[in-house]
């Protein structure tokens, strides 16, 4: 795996130097690509912790952390975060697994049960799957009309799993996936994600896979395909 492009992606995301991604300890930085987000992002890469906040909160947050430094993974704990943000937290999302795939030489065997989908032409198939019983999972899948590529897995002539990708900044593809809850654990997600990875690899893209750390089956799919774990993060939404 080529780690340079993923290091470049995340250092650019936070607006820091590339060598800072691989450092030690905690740094507090102003939102860069998250500018305008009313909240915070905490990113953990090995021994490095990055806390991204709105620029007008930098001094206040840094002072609170310096006064009471987090121990170990305390920065991910609700108790410590309530202290840092004066109990103004509306919601915590995560922790989230961050994986990457950057291997254009890989040879991926694809299933004949997977077809490429067009959002407009195949909308009825997509709408049916979206109503299969996991509204939150669907909302987090990233499946929408703006996707650059969508693939569906067909079981008994019905589409029961779907994966997509969105390309950002020209050379990075984000993977999204959703499977009908009735058919989870049967390998459908694995097959559709393989098509997304194959498509993006042929195009020479860096591929990023995000899922909740609590979603062990999704992480197993990523690792089976060949994704490498890069980091973990949580997103914090603050009250207005």
C-alpha atoms as a PDB file:
ATOM      1  CA  UNK A   1       0.000   0.000   0.000  1.00  0.00           C
ATOM      2  CA  UNK A   2       1.133   3.516  -0.826  1.00  0.00           C
ATOM      3  CA  UNK A   3       0.716   5.634   2.298  1.00  0.00           C
ATOM      4  CA  UNK A   4       1.884   8.909   0.743  1.00  0.00           C
ATOM      5  CA  UNK A   5      -1.405   9.824  -0.912  1.00  0.00           C
ATOM      6  CA  UNK A   6      -3.498   9.083   2.166  1.00  0.00           C
ATOM      7  CA  UNK A   7      -1.086  11.133   4.317  1.00  0.00           C
ATOM      8  CA  UNK A   8      -1.386  13.965   1.823  1.00  0.00           C
ATOM      9  CA  UNK A   9      -5.174  13.749   1.810  1.00  0.00           C
ATOM     10  CA  UNK A  10      -5.586  14.011   5.566  1.00  0.00           C
ATOM     11  CA  UNK A  11      -2.876  16.628   6.094  1.00  0.00           C
ATOM     12  CA  UNK A  12      -4.596  18.774   3.451  1.00  0.00           C
ATOM     13  CA  UNK A  13      -7.970  18.060   5.087  1.00  0.00           C
ATOM     14  CA  UNK A  14      -6.743  19.530   8.378  1.00  0.00           C
ATOM     15  CA  UNK A  15      -4.487  22.196   6.841  1.00  0.00           C
ATOM     16  CA  UNK A  16      -1.309  20.898   8.473  1.00  0.00           C
ATOM     17  CA  UNK A  17       2.095  19.767   7.236  1.00  0.00           C
ATOM     18  CA  UNK A  18       2.335  16.177   6.077  1.00  0.00           C
ATOM     19  CA  UNK A  19       4.861  15.177   8.760  1.00  0.00           C
ATOM     20  CA  UNK A  20       2.453  16.375  11.470  1.00  0.00           C
ATOM     21  CA  UNK A  21       0.048  13.533  10.645  1.00  0.00           C
ATOM     22  CA  UNK A  22       2.623  11.020  11.853  1.00  0.00           C
ATOM     23  CA  UNK A  23       3.666  12.895  14.979  1.00  0.00           C
ATOM     24  CA  UNK A  24       2.918  12.338  18.651  1.00  0.00           C
ATOM     25  CA  UNK A  25       0.526  13.965  21.071  1.00  0.00           C
ATOM     26  CA  UNK A  26      -2.459  16.260  20.676  1.00  0.00           C
ATOM     27  CA  UNK A  27      -2.721  19.312  18.438  1.00  0.00           C
ATOM     28  CA  UNK A  28      -5.689  21.679  18.153  1.00  0.00           C
ATOM     29  CA  UNK A  29      -6.261  23.153  14.702  1.00  0.00           C
ATOM     30  CA  UNK A  30      -8.854  25.463  13.130  1.00  0.00           C
ATOM     31  CA  UNK A  31     -11.344  23.937  10.700  1.00  0.00           C
ATOM     32  CA  UNK A  32      -9.929  23.770   7.194  1.00  0.00           C
ATOM     33  CA  UNK A  33     -12.142  21.644   4.932  1.00  0.00           C
ATOM     34  CA  UNK A  34     -14.654  21.595   7.777  1.00  0.00           C
ATOM     35  CA  UNK A  35     -14.992  25.385   7.706  1.00  0.00           C
ATOM     36  CA  UNK A  36     -18.554  26.340   8.573  1.00  0.00           C
ATOM     37  CA  UNK A  37     -19.244  23.133  10.529  1.00  0.00           C
ATOM     38  CA  UNK A  38     -20.774  23.924  13.923  1.00  0.00           C
ATOM     39  CA  UNK A  39     -18.874  21.307  15.816  1.00  0.00           C
ATOM     40  CA  UNK A  40     -15.556  19.546  16.177  1.00  0.00           C
ATOM     41  CA  UNK A  41     -13.698  16.611  14.660  1.00  0.00           C
ATOM     42  CA  UNK A  42     -11.301  14.393  16.602  1.00  0.00           C
ATOM     43  CA  UNK A  43      -8.905  12.292  14.561  1.00  0.00           C
ATOM     44  CA  UNK A  44      -6.575   9.612  15.924  1.00  0.00           C
ATOM     45  CA  UNK A  45      -3.696   8.271  13.823  1.00  0.00           C
ATOM     46  CA  UNK A  46      -1.385   6.010  15.887  1.00  0.00           C
ATOM     47  CA  UNK A  47       0.094   8.346  18.535  1.00  0.00           C
ATOM     48  CA  UNK A  48      -1.262  11.542  16.986  1.00  0.00           C
ATOM     49  CA  UNK A  49      -4.516  13.186  18.074  1.00  0.00           C
ATOM     50  CA  UNK A  50      -5.924  16.069  16.057  1.00  0.00           C
ATOM     51  CA  UNK A  51      -8.802  18.186  17.332  1.00  0.00           C
ATOM     52  CA  UNK A  52     -10.320  20.408  14.650  1.00  0.00           C
ATOM     53  CA  UNK A  53     -12.591  23.225  15.858  1.00  0.00           C
ATOM     54  CA  UNK A  54     -13.957  26.563  14.650  1.00  0.00           C
ATOM     55  CA  UNK A  55     -11.204  29.181  14.570  1.00  0.00           C
ATOM     56  CA  UNK A  56     -12.926  31.372  17.173  1.00  0.00           C
ATOM     57  CA  UNK A  57     -12.774  28.470  19.666  1.00  0.00           C
ATOM     58  CA  UNK A  58      -9.062  27.678  19.306  1.00  0.00           C
ATOM     59  CA  UNK A  59      -7.817  29.702  22.279  1.00  0.00           C
ATOM     60  CA  UNK A  60     -10.641  28.662  24.605  1.00  0.00           C
ATOM     61  CA  UNK A  61     -10.404  24.955  23.781  1.00  0.00           C
ATOM     62  CA  UNK A  62      -6.607  24.942  23.938  1.00  0.00           C
ATOM     63  CA  UNK A  63      -6.681  26.598  27.378  1.00  0.00           C
ATOM     64  CA  UNK A  64      -9.126  24.032  28.753  1.00  0.00           C
ATOM     65  CA  UNK A  65      -7.050  21.142  27.425  1.00  0.00           C
ATOM     66  CA  UNK A  66      -3.821  22.608  28.813  1.00  0.00           C
ATOM     67  CA  UNK A  67      -5.516  22.970  32.191  1.00  0.00           C
ATOM     68  CA  UNK A  68      -6.737  19.363  32.197  1.00  0.00           C
ATOM     69  CA  UNK A  69      -4.950  17.189  29.656  1.00  0.00           C
ATOM     70  CA  UNK A  70      -6.663  14.010  28.403  1.00  0.00           C
ATOM     71  CA  UNK A  71      -5.195  10.674  29.386  1.00  0.00           C
ATOM     72  CA  UNK A  72      -5.019   7.869  26.834  1.00  0.00           C
ATOM     73  CA  UNK A  73      -8.239   7.813  24.823  1.00  0.00           C
ATOM     74  CA  UNK A  74     -10.065  10.209  27.147  1.00  0.00           C
ATOM     75  CA  UNK A  75     -10.403  12.690  24.318  1.00  0.00           C
ATOM     76  CA  UNK A  76     -12.919  10.242  22.849  1.00  0.00           C
ATOM     77  CA  UNK A  77     -14.935  10.038  26.087  1.00  0.00           C
ATOM     78  CA  UNK A  78     -18.218  11.894  26.573  1.00  0.00           C
ATOM     79  CA  UNK A  79     -17.206  12.943  30.092  1.00  0.00           C
ATOM     80  CA  UNK A  80     -14.019  14.657  28.955  1.00  0.00           C
ATOM     81  CA  UNK A  81     -15.649  16.215  25.892  1.00  0.00           C
ATOM     82  CA  UNK A  82     -18.419  17.696  28.039  1.00  0.00           C
ATOM     83  CA  UNK A  83     -15.651  19.386  30.043  1.00  0.00           C
ATOM     84  CA  UNK A  84     -13.896  20.692  26.927  1.00  0.00           C
ATOM     85  CA  UNK A  85     -17.066  22.005  25.279  1.00  0.00           C
ATOM     86  CA  UNK A  86     -18.893  23.241  28.404  1.00  0.00           C
ATOM     87  CA  UNK A  87     -21.624  20.603  28.026  1.00  0.00           C
ATOM     88  CA  UNK A  88     -22.801  22.176  24.769  1.00  0.00           C
ATOM     89  CA  UNK A  89     -22.589  18.918  22.820  1.00  0.00           C
ATOM     90  CA  UNK A  90     -25.698  18.091  20.813  1.00  0.00           C
ATOM     91  CA  UNK A  91     -24.520  14.768  19.364  1.00  0.00           C
ATOM     92  CA  UNK A  92     -21.413  12.599  19.081  1.00  0.00           C
ATOM     93  CA  UNK A  93     -21.045  10.460  15.946  1.00  0.00           C
ATOM     94  CA  UNK A  94     -18.533   7.654  16.087  1.00  0.00           C
ATOM     95  CA  UNK A  95     -15.939   6.489  16.709  1.00  0.00           C
ATOM     96  CA  UNK A  96     -15.527   5.793  13.016  1.00  0.00           C
ATOM     97  CA  UNK A  97     -13.098   3.477  11.230  1.00  0.00           C
ATOM     98  CA  UNK A  98     -11.056   5.180   8.508  1.00  0.00           C
ATOM     99  CA  UNK A  99      -9.596   2.781   5.956  1.00  0.00           C
ATOM    100  CA  UNK A 100      -7.819   3.308   2.656  1.00  0.00           C
ATOM    101  CA  UNK A 101      -6.963   1.346  -0.485  1.00  0.00           C
ATOM    102  CA  UNK A 102      -4.285   2.479  -2.918  1.00  0.00           C
ATOM    103  CA  UNK A 103      -3.177  -0.464  -5.042  1.00  0.00           C
ATOM    104  CA  UNK A 104      -3.679  -0.143  -8.808  1.00  0.00           C
ATOM    105  CA  UNK A 105      -2.000  -3.531  -9.322  1.00  0.00           C
ATOM    106  CA  UNK A 106      -4.674  -5.486  -7.481  1.00  0.00           C
ATOM    107  CA  UNK A 107      -6.632  -8.182  -9.345  1.00  0.00           C
ATOM    108  CA  UNK A 108     -10.207  -8.291  -8.056  1.00  0.00           C
ATOM    109  CA  UNK A 109     -12.547 -11.120  -9.058  1.00  0.00           C
ATOM    110  CA  UNK A 110     -16.026  -9.705  -9.724  1.00  0.00           C
ATOM    111  CA  UNK A 111     -19.418 -11.366  -9.305  1.00  0.00           C
ATOM    112  CA  UNK A 112     -21.754 -11.784 -12.293  1.00  0.00           C
ATOM    113  CA  UNK A 113     -24.634 -10.914  -9.952  1.00  0.00           C
ATOM    114  CA  UNK A 114     -23.491  -7.297  -9.773  1.00  0.00           C
ATOM    115  CA  UNK A 115     -24.533  -4.737 -12.394  1.00  0.00           C
ATOM    116  CA  UNK A 116     -23.781  -1.060 -12.804  1.00  0.00           C
ATOM    117  CA  UNK A 117     -26.786   1.082 -11.872  1.00  0.00           C
ATOM    118  CA  UNK A 118     -27.968   4.443 -13.178  1.00  0.00           C
ATOM    119  CA  UNK A 119     -29.672   6.510 -10.496  1.00  0.00           C
ATOM    120  CA  UNK A 120     -32.255   8.018 -12.839  1.00  0.00           C
ATOM    121  CA  UNK A 121     -32.979   4.992 -15.007  1.00  0.00           C
ATOM    122  CA  UNK A 122     -33.008   2.513 -12.104  1.00  0.00           C
ATOM    123  CA  UNK A 123     -34.636   4.766  -9.538  1.00  0.00           C
ATOM    124  CA  UNK A 124     -37.440   2.277  -8.767  1.00  0.00           C
ATOM    125  CA  UNK A 125     -34.850  -0.353  -7.778  1.00  0.00           C
ATOM    126  CA  UNK A 126     -33.034   2.124  -5.578  1.00  0.00           C
ATOM    127  CA  UNK A 127     -36.216   3.459  -3.969  1.00  0.00           C
ATOM    128  CA  UNK A 128     -37.362  -0.086  -3.095  1.00  0.00           C
ATOM    129  CA  UNK A 129     -34.046  -0.865  -1.422  1.00  0.00           C
ATOM    130  CA  UNK A 130     -34.080   2.445   0.466  1.00  0.00           C
ATOM    131  CA  UNK A 131     -37.326   1.358   2.146  1.00  0.00           C
ATOM    132  CA  UNK A 132     -36.082  -2.063   3.247  1.00  0.00           C
ATOM    133  CA  UNK A 133     -36.028  -1.317   6.965  1.00  0.00           C
ATOM    134  CA  UNK A 134     -32.857   0.525   8.034  1.00  0.00           C
ATOM    135  CA  UNK A 135     -33.500   4.235   7.562  1.00  0.00           C
ATOM    136  CA  UNK A 136     -30.390   5.338   9.458  1.00  0.00           C
ATOM    137  CA  UNK A 137     -28.186   2.925   7.543  1.00  0.00           C
ATOM    138  CA  UNK A 138     -29.575   4.205   4.268  1.00  0.00           C
ATOM    139  CA  UNK A 139     -29.071   7.828   5.294  1.00  0.00           C
ATOM    140  CA  UNK A 140     -25.427   7.078   6.125  1.00  0.00           C
ATOM    141  CA  UNK A 141     -24.786   5.095   2.929  1.00  0.00           C
ATOM    142  CA  UNK A 142     -24.222   8.135   0.737  1.00  0.00           C
ATOM    143  CA  UNK A 143     -26.367   6.745  -2.090  1.00  0.00           C
ATOM    144  CA  UNK A 144     -27.747   9.664  -4.100  1.00  0.00           C
ATOM    145  CA  UNK A 145     -28.143  11.063  -7.594  1.00  0.00           C
ATOM    146  CA  UNK A 146     -24.735  12.770  -7.375  1.00  0.00           C
ATOM    147  CA  UNK A 147     -22.771   9.514  -7.112  1.00  0.00           C
ATOM    148  CA  UNK A 148     -20.062   8.974  -9.705  1.00  0.00           C
ATOM    149  CA  UNK A 149     -20.618   5.200  -9.769  1.00  0.00           C
ATOM    150  CA  UNK A 150     -23.330   2.884  -8.410  1.00  0.00           C
ATOM    151  CA  UNK A 151     -23.411  -0.928  -8.422  1.00  0.00           C
ATOM    152  CA  UNK A 152     -26.208  -3.272  -7.381  1.00  0.00           C
ATOM    153  CA  UNK A 153     -26.204  -6.921  -6.301  1.00  0.00           C
ATOM    154  CA  UNK A 154     -29.176  -8.918  -7.596  1.00  0.00           C
ATOM    155  CA  UNK A 155     -30.635 -11.857  -5.698  1.00  0.00           C
ATOM    156  CA  UNK A 156     -33.644 -13.677  -7.171  1.00  0.00           C
ATOM    157  CA  UNK A 157     -34.071 -10.832  -9.681  1.00  0.00           C
ATOM    158  CA  UNK A 158     -34.248  -8.165  -6.971  1.00  0.00           C
ATOM    159  CA  UNK A 159     -31.548  -5.685  -6.047  1.00  0.00           C
ATOM    160  CA  UNK A 160     -30.724  -6.355  -2.391  1.00  0.00           C
ATOM    161  CA  UNK A 161     -27.399  -4.539  -2.000  1.00  0.00           C
ATOM    162  CA  UNK A 162     -25.913  -1.381  -3.431  1.00  0.00           C
ATOM    163  CA  UNK A 163     -22.545   0.375  -3.323  1.00  0.00           C
ATOM    164  CA  UNK A 164     -21.420   3.687  -4.727  1.00  0.00           C
ATOM    165  CA  UNK A 165     -18.512   6.057  -4.845  1.00  0.00           C
ATOM    166  CA  UNK A 166     -18.074   9.802  -4.910  1.00  0.00           C
ATOM    167  CA  UNK A 167     -14.899  11.343  -6.286  1.00  0.00           C
ATOM    168  CA  UNK A 168     -13.596  14.443  -4.544  1.00  0.00           C
ATOM    169  CA  UNK A 169     -10.657  16.659  -5.412  1.00  0.00           C
ATOM    170  CA  UNK A 170     -10.081  14.633  -8.556  1.00  0.00           C
ATOM    171  CA  UNK A 171      -8.224  11.637  -7.188  1.00  0.00           C
ATOM    172  CA  UNK A 172     -10.016  10.404  -4.049  1.00  0.00           C
ATOM    173  CA  UNK A 173     -13.026   8.066  -4.097  1.00  0.00           C
ATOM    174  CA  UNK A 174     -15.312   7.660  -1.071  1.00  0.00           C
ATOM    175  CA  UNK A 175     -17.176   4.356  -0.784  1.00  0.00           C
ATOM    176  CA  UNK A 176     -20.790   4.030   0.357  1.00  0.00           C
ATOM    177  CA  UNK A 177     -22.696   0.757   0.787  1.00  0.00           C
ATOM    178  CA  UNK A 178     -26.114  -0.473   1.906  1.00  0.00           C
ATOM    179  CA  UNK A 179     -27.676  -3.951   2.046  1.00  0.00           C
ATOM    180  CA  UNK A 180     -31.244  -4.989   2.751  1.00  0.00           C
ATOM    181  CA  UNK A 181     -31.237  -5.996   6.459  1.00  0.00           C
ATOM    182  CA  UNK A 182     -32.884  -9.324   5.545  1.00  0.00           C
ATOM    183  CA  UNK A 183     -29.839 -10.307   3.491  1.00  0.00           C
ATOM    184  CA  UNK A 184     -26.955  -9.067   5.592  1.00  0.00           C
ATOM    185  CA  UNK A 185     -24.206 -11.521   6.386  1.00  0.00           C
ATOM    186  CA  UNK A 186     -24.588 -13.262   3.006  1.00  0.00           C
ATOM    187  CA  UNK A 187     -21.686 -11.556   1.242  1.00  0.00           C
ATOM    188  CA  UNK A 188     -23.748  -9.180  -0.908  1.00  0.00           C
ATOM    189  CA  UNK A 189     -22.037  -6.038   0.428  1.00  0.00           C
ATOM    190  CA  UNK A 190     -18.648  -7.606  -0.159  1.00  0.00           C
ATOM    191  CA  UNK A 191     -19.454  -8.209  -3.827  1.00  0.00           C
ATOM    192  CA  UNK A 192     -20.779  -4.715  -4.612  1.00  0.00           C
ATOM    193  CA  UNK A 193     -17.920  -2.984  -2.774  1.00  0.00           C
ATOM    194  CA  UNK A 194     -15.432  -5.071  -4.796  1.00  0.00           C
ATOM    195  CA  UNK A 195     -16.900  -3.573  -7.979  1.00  0.00           C
ATOM    196  CA  UNK A 196     -16.491  -0.054  -6.609  1.00  0.00           C
ATOM    197  CA  UNK A 197     -12.894  -0.757  -5.608  1.00  0.00           C
ATOM    198  CA  UNK A 198     -12.110  -2.316  -8.985  1.00  0.00           C
ATOM    199  CA  UNK A 199     -13.605   0.654 -10.833  1.00  0.00           C
ATOM    200  CA  UNK A 200     -11.697   3.205  -8.771  1.00  0.00           C
ATOM    201  CA  UNK A 201      -8.434   1.240  -8.904  1.00  0.00           C
ATOM    202  CA  UNK A 202      -8.585   1.120 -12.710  1.00  0.00           C
ATOM    203  CA  UNK A 203      -9.008   4.899 -12.630  1.00  0.00           C
ATOM    204  CA  UNK A 204      -5.946   5.194 -10.358  1.00  0.00           C
ATOM    205  CA  UNK A 205      -7.877   6.703  -7.445  1.00  0.00           C
ATOM    206  CA  UNK A 206      -7.084   6.651  -3.747  1.00  0.00           C
ATOM    207  CA  UNK A 207     -10.068   4.939  -2.073  1.00  0.00           C
ATOM    208  CA  UNK A 208     -11.402   5.799   1.379  1.00  0.00           C
ATOM    209  CA  UNK A 209     -13.774   3.606   3.376  1.00  0.00           C
ATOM    210  CA  UNK A 210     -15.574   4.910   6.451  1.00  0.00           C
ATOM    211  CA  UNK A 211     -17.850   3.027   8.813  1.00  0.00           C
ATOM    212  CA  UNK A 212     -18.655   3.017  12.514  1.00  0.00           C
ATOM    213  CA  UNK A 213     -16.157   0.996  14.539  1.00  0.00           C
ATOM    214  CA  UNK A 214     -19.148  -0.749  16.092  1.00  0.00           C
ATOM    215  CA  UNK A 215     -20.087  -2.060  12.616  1.00  0.00           C
ATOM    216  CA  UNK A 216     -17.777  -5.074  12.747  1.00  0.00           C
ATOM    217  CA  UNK A 217     -19.247  -6.796   9.638  1.00  0.00           C
ATOM    218  CA  UNK A 218     -18.580  -3.679   7.537  1.00  0.00           C
ATOM    219  CA  UNK A 219     -14.980  -3.494   8.763  1.00  0.00           C
ATOM    220  CA  UNK A 220     -14.498  -7.185   7.993  1.00  0.00           C
ATOM    221  CA  UNK A 221     -15.655  -6.529   4.422  1.00  0.00           C
ATOM    222  CA  UNK A 222     -13.142  -3.703   4.056  1.00  0.00           C
ATOM    223  CA  UNK A 223     -10.269  -5.782   5.403  1.00  0.00           C
ATOM    224  CA  UNK A 224     -11.203  -8.792   3.275  1.00  0.00           C
ATOM    225  CA  UNK A 225     -11.044  -6.656   0.142  1.00  0.00           C
ATOM    226  CA  UNK A 226      -7.693  -5.225   1.174  1.00  0.00           C
ATOM    227  CA  UNK A 227      -8.358  -1.915   2.893  1.00  0.00           C
ATOM    228  CA  UNK A 228      -5.768  -0.860   5.465  1.00  0.00           C
ATOM    229  CA  UNK A 229      -6.825   0.805   8.695  1.00  0.00           C
ATOM    230  CA  UNK A 230      -5.518   4.360   8.782  1.00  0.00           C
ATOM    231  CA  UNK A 231      -7.204   6.163  11.673  1.00  0.00           C
ATOM    232  CA  UNK A 232     -10.293   6.574  13.828  1.00  0.00           C
ATOM    233  CA  UNK A 233     -12.357   9.680  14.395  1.00  0.00           C
ATOM    234  CA  UNK A 234     -15.455  11.075  16.048  1.00  0.00           C
ATOM    235  CA  UNK A 235     -17.587  13.993  14.933  1.00  0.00           C
ATOM    236  CA  UNK A 236     -19.139  16.342  17.492  1.00  0.00           C
ATOM    237  CA  UNK A 237     -22.145  18.489  16.774  1.00  0.00           C
ATOM    238  CA  UNK A 238     -22.538  21.460  19.088  1.00  0.00           C
ATOM    239  CA  UNK A 239     -25.760  23.115  20.165  1.00  0.00           C
ATOM    240  CA  UNK A 240     -26.521  26.389  18.429  1.00  0.00           C
END
